[in-house]
Amino acid sequence: MQIQNSSLSLIARWVLGVAIFIYFAAAPSRAEDVKAGDLVITQGWTRATPGGAKTGGGFLTIENKGSSPDKLVGVSADVAGKIEVHQMATDGGVMKMRPVEGGLTIEPGKTVKLAPGGLHLMMMDLKSPLKQGDRLPVTLQFEKAGKVAVTLDVQAVGAPGPSGNMGGEMKKMDKGMKM
């Protein structure tokens, strides 16, 4: 009986190992964190667009670890004719979107999150659809940090945010495993 339990345990571990390998191999890659001067830019992502769409949104997080403010004053990418930082806000019960005039200031010690429903990169005049799984190179222009190349991971149409929180998923898997 001891040999059978040992063999089952070995098989269970092998199956778990293969499952974990497949899980990580199939997971989309995450955009790289980028450090530029006092700024750290993380979680760059966008959503896939339908074939005829001419606009798309870009999302990321900018943290200022310095002691003075910096300002995002421009954005560009080969895939879009124009990119602006936009703000969505409710005014009198109506959702409105407007460009952020004069640039987006990132105060020292603060983090600014560009996310759906709030601040975001508005990509206009798209030259081609954004396809899930692609990586979109974008250049951010800051007053102090200068030009910064970042990558936006293209998630599924309607995605709620960047994927890749493997730690939480692995903990859920571990709790359910019995060996």
Protein backbone atom coordinates (compact mmCIF):
# COMPACT_ATOMS: atom_id res chain seq x y z
CA MET A 1 0.00 0.00 0.00
CA GLN A 2 2.90 2.33 0.73
CA ILE A 3 4.20 2.01 -2.86
CA GLN A 4 0.80 2.89 -4.36
CA ASN A 5 0.40 6.05 -2.21
CA SER A 6 3.96 7.09 -3.05
CA SER A 7 3.32 6.56 -6.78
CA LEU A 8 0.06 8.53 -6.62
CA SER A 9 1.81 11.35 -4.79
CA LEU A 10 4.55 11.45 -7.43
CA ILE A 11 1.97 11.49 -10.25
CA ALA A 12 -0.05 14.22 -8.50
CA ARG A 13 3.08 16.37 -8.14
CA TRP A 14 4.00 15.82 -11.79
CA VAL A 15 0.46 16.79 -12.92
CA LEU A 16 0.56 19.88 -10.71
CA GLY A 17 3.95 20.86 -12.12
CA VAL A 18 2.72 20.49 -15.69
CA ALA A 19 -0.44 22.49 -14.89
CA ILE A 20 1.60 25.31 -13.36
CA PHE A 21 3.96 25.35 -16.36
CA ILE A 22 1.01 25.53 -18.80
CA TYR A 23 -0.65 28.26 -16.71
CA PHE A 24 2.43 30.49 -16.79
CA ALA A 25 3.32 29.71 -20.39
CA ALA A 26 -0.18 30.62 -21.58
CA ALA A 27 -0.45 33.80 -19.48
CA PRO A 28 0.05 37.03 -21.39
CA SER A 29 3.29 38.83 -20.75
CA ARG A 30 3.12 41.97 -18.68
CA ALA A 31 4.41 45.35 -19.70
CA GLU A 32 7.79 46.10 -18.19
CA ASP A 33 8.11 48.63 -15.37
CA VAL A 34 10.06 51.66 -16.59
CA LYS A 35 12.13 54.02 -14.43
CA ALA A 36 12.87 57.49 -15.82
CA GLY A 37 14.46 59.98 -13.47
CA ASP A 38 12.25 60.10 -10.37
CA LEU A 39 9.31 58.50 -12.19
CA VAL A 40 8.30 54.84 -12.24
CA ILE A 41 5.77 53.85 -14.91
CA THR A 42 3.96 50.53 -14.41
CA GLN A 43 0.97 48.48 -15.57
CA GLY A 44 0.81 49.78 -19.13
CA TRP A 45 -2.12 48.28 -21.02
CA THR A 46 -4.85 48.94 -23.55
CA ARG A 47 -7.86 47.11 -24.93
CA ALA A 48 -8.18 45.42 -28.30
CA THR A 49 -10.29 47.37 -30.79
CA PRO A 50 -12.79 46.21 -33.41
CA GLY A 51 -11.65 46.39 -37.05
CA GLY A 52 -13.07 49.81 -37.96
CA ALA A 53 -12.39 51.62 -34.69
CA LYS A 54 -10.47 54.87 -34.98
CA THR A 55 -9.97 55.43 -31.24
CA GLY A 56 -8.61 53.49 -28.29
CA GLY A 57 -7.68 54.10 -24.67
CA GLY A 58 -4.35 53.58 -22.97
CA PHE A 59 -3.84 53.02 -19.26
CA LEU A 60 -0.85 53.05 -16.92
CA THR A 61 0.36 54.14 -13.52
CA ILE A 62 2.97 56.87 -12.93
CA GLU A 63 4.64 57.20 -9.54
CA ASN A 64 6.84 60.19 -8.68
CA LYS A 65 9.45 59.10 -6.13
CA GLY A 66 11.24 62.45 -6.25
CA SER A 67 10.95 65.70 -4.31
CA SER A 68 9.69 67.89 -7.18
CA PRO A 69 6.77 67.58 -9.60
CA ASP A 70 7.07 66.41 -13.19
CA LYS A 71 4.53 66.83 -15.95
CA LEU A 72 3.40 64.54 -18.77
CA VAL A 73 3.24 67.00 -21.69
CA GLY A 74 2.94 64.72 -24.71
CA VAL A 75 2.34 61.17 -25.93
CA SER A 76 2.97 59.55 -29.30
CA ALA A 77 2.83 56.14 -30.99
CA ASP A 78 3.20 55.00 -34.58
CA VAL A 79 -0.24 53.34 -34.46
CA ALA A 80 -2.12 56.61 -33.78
CA GLY A 81 -2.31 59.94 -35.57
CA LYS A 82 -2.66 61.71 -32.23
CA ILE A 83 -2.66 60.83 -28.53
CA GLU A 84 -3.90 63.10 -25.74
CA VAL A 85 -4.33 62.69 -22.00
CA HIS A 86 -8.09 62.82 -21.34
CA GLN A 87 -10.20 63.06 -18.21
CA MET A 88 -13.65 61.52 -17.87
CA ALA A 89 -15.93 63.17 -15.32
CA THR A 90 -19.63 63.35 -14.54
CA ASP A 91 -21.13 66.82 -14.99
CA GLY A 92 -24.83 67.21 -14.16
CA GLY A 93 -25.38 63.45 -14.45
CA VAL A 94 -23.71 63.34 -17.88
CA MET A 95 -20.36 61.61 -18.44
CA LYS A 96 -18.03 63.94 -20.33
CA MET A 97 -14.54 63.44 -21.70
CA ARG A 98 -12.11 66.32 -22.15
CA PRO A 99 -8.39 66.69 -22.86
CA VAL A 100 -6.24 67.63 -19.88
CA GLU A 101 -5.00 71.10 -20.80
CA GLY A 102 -1.39 72.06 -20.08
CA GLY A 103 -0.20 68.53 -19.27
CA LEU A 104 -0.70 66.10 -16.43
CA THR A 105 1.24 66.98 -13.28
CA ILE A 106 2.61 64.16 -11.13
CA GLU A 107 3.28 65.63 -7.70
CA PRO A 108 6.27 64.43 -5.64
CA GLY A 109 5.52 61.36 -3.57
CA LYS A 110 2.23 60.80 -5.42
CA THR A 111 0.94 58.19 -7.85
CA VAL A 112 -1.34 58.97 -10.79
CA LYS A 113 -3.33 56.10 -12.22
CA LEU A 114 -4.67 56.34 -15.77
CA ALA A 115 -7.57 53.87 -15.84
CA PRO A 116 -10.93 53.31 -17.54
CA GLY A 117 -13.53 55.84 -16.43
CA GLY A 118 -11.01 58.50 -15.37
CA LEU A 119 -7.71 59.80 -16.66
CA HIS A 120 -6.51 57.89 -19.73
CA LEU A 121 -4.50 58.15 -22.94
CA MET A 122 -6.91 58.84 -25.81
CA MET A 123 -5.48 57.33 -29.01
CA MET A 124 -7.11 58.92 -32.05
CA ASP A 125 -6.92 58.19 -35.77
CA LEU A 126 -5.76 54.59 -35.24
CA LYS A 127 -3.94 53.33 -38.34
CA SER A 128 -4.74 49.69 -37.56
CA PRO A 129 -6.78 47.73 -35.00
CA LEU A 130 -5.22 46.93 -31.64
CA LYS A 131 -5.08 43.14 -31.38
CA GLN A 132 -5.22 41.14 -28.16
CA GLY A 133 -1.79 39.77 -27.26
CA ASP A 134 0.14 42.51 -29.09
CA ARG A 135 2.50 44.91 -27.34
CA LEU A 136 2.07 48.56 -28.31
CA PRO A 137 5.13 50.85 -28.05
CA VAL A 138 4.28 54.36 -26.84
CA THR A 139 6.50 57.36 -26.10
CA LEU A 140 5.66 59.57 -23.12
CA GLN A 141 7.14 63.08 -23.04
CA PHE A 142 7.77 64.56 -19.58
CA GLU A 143 9.05 68.05 -18.74
CA LYS A 144 11.89 66.73 -16.54
CA ALA A 145 12.23 63.01 -17.27
CA GLY A 146 12.18 63.64 -21.04
CA LYS A 147 11.10 61.03 -23.58
CA VAL A 148 10.24 57.68 -22.06
CA ALA A 149 9.47 54.56 -24.11
CA VAL A 150 6.83 52.31 -22.56
CA THR A 151 4.85 49.33 -23.77
CA LEU A 152 1.10 48.84 -23.48
CA ASP A 153 -0.04 45.22 -23.40
CA VAL A 154 -3.15 44.78 -25.55
CA GLN A 155 -5.79 42.98 -23.49
CA ALA A 156 -9.17 41.64 -24.66
CA VAL A 157 -11.98 43.95 -25.78
CA GLY A 158 -13.70 45.10 -22.58
CA ALA A 159 -10.89 43.90 -20.29
CA PRO A 160 -11.16 45.40 -16.79
CA GLY A 161 -7.40 45.83 -16.37
CA PRO A 162 -3.99 44.31 -16.83
CA SER A 163 -3.72 40.60 -16.16
CA GLY A 164 -0.75 38.93 -14.63
CA ASN A 165 -1.54 38.79 -10.90
CA MET A 166 -0.20 35.28 -10.79
CA GLY A 167 0.51 35.30 -7.07
CA GLY A 168 -3.15 35.52 -6.06
CA GLU A 169 -4.16 32.90 -8.61
CA MET A 170 -1.47 30.48 -7.43
CA LYS A 171 -2.57 30.88 -3.80
CA LYS A 172 -6.14 29.99 -4.81
CA MET A 173 -4.87 26.91 -6.66
CA ASP A 174 -2.71 25.81 -3.72
CA LYS A 175 -5.64 25.95 -1.26
CA GLY A 176 -7.69 23.60 -3.39
CA MET A 177 -4.92 21.04 -3.93
CA LYS A 178 -4.83 17.91 -1.78
CA MET A 179 -1.93 15.47 -1.96
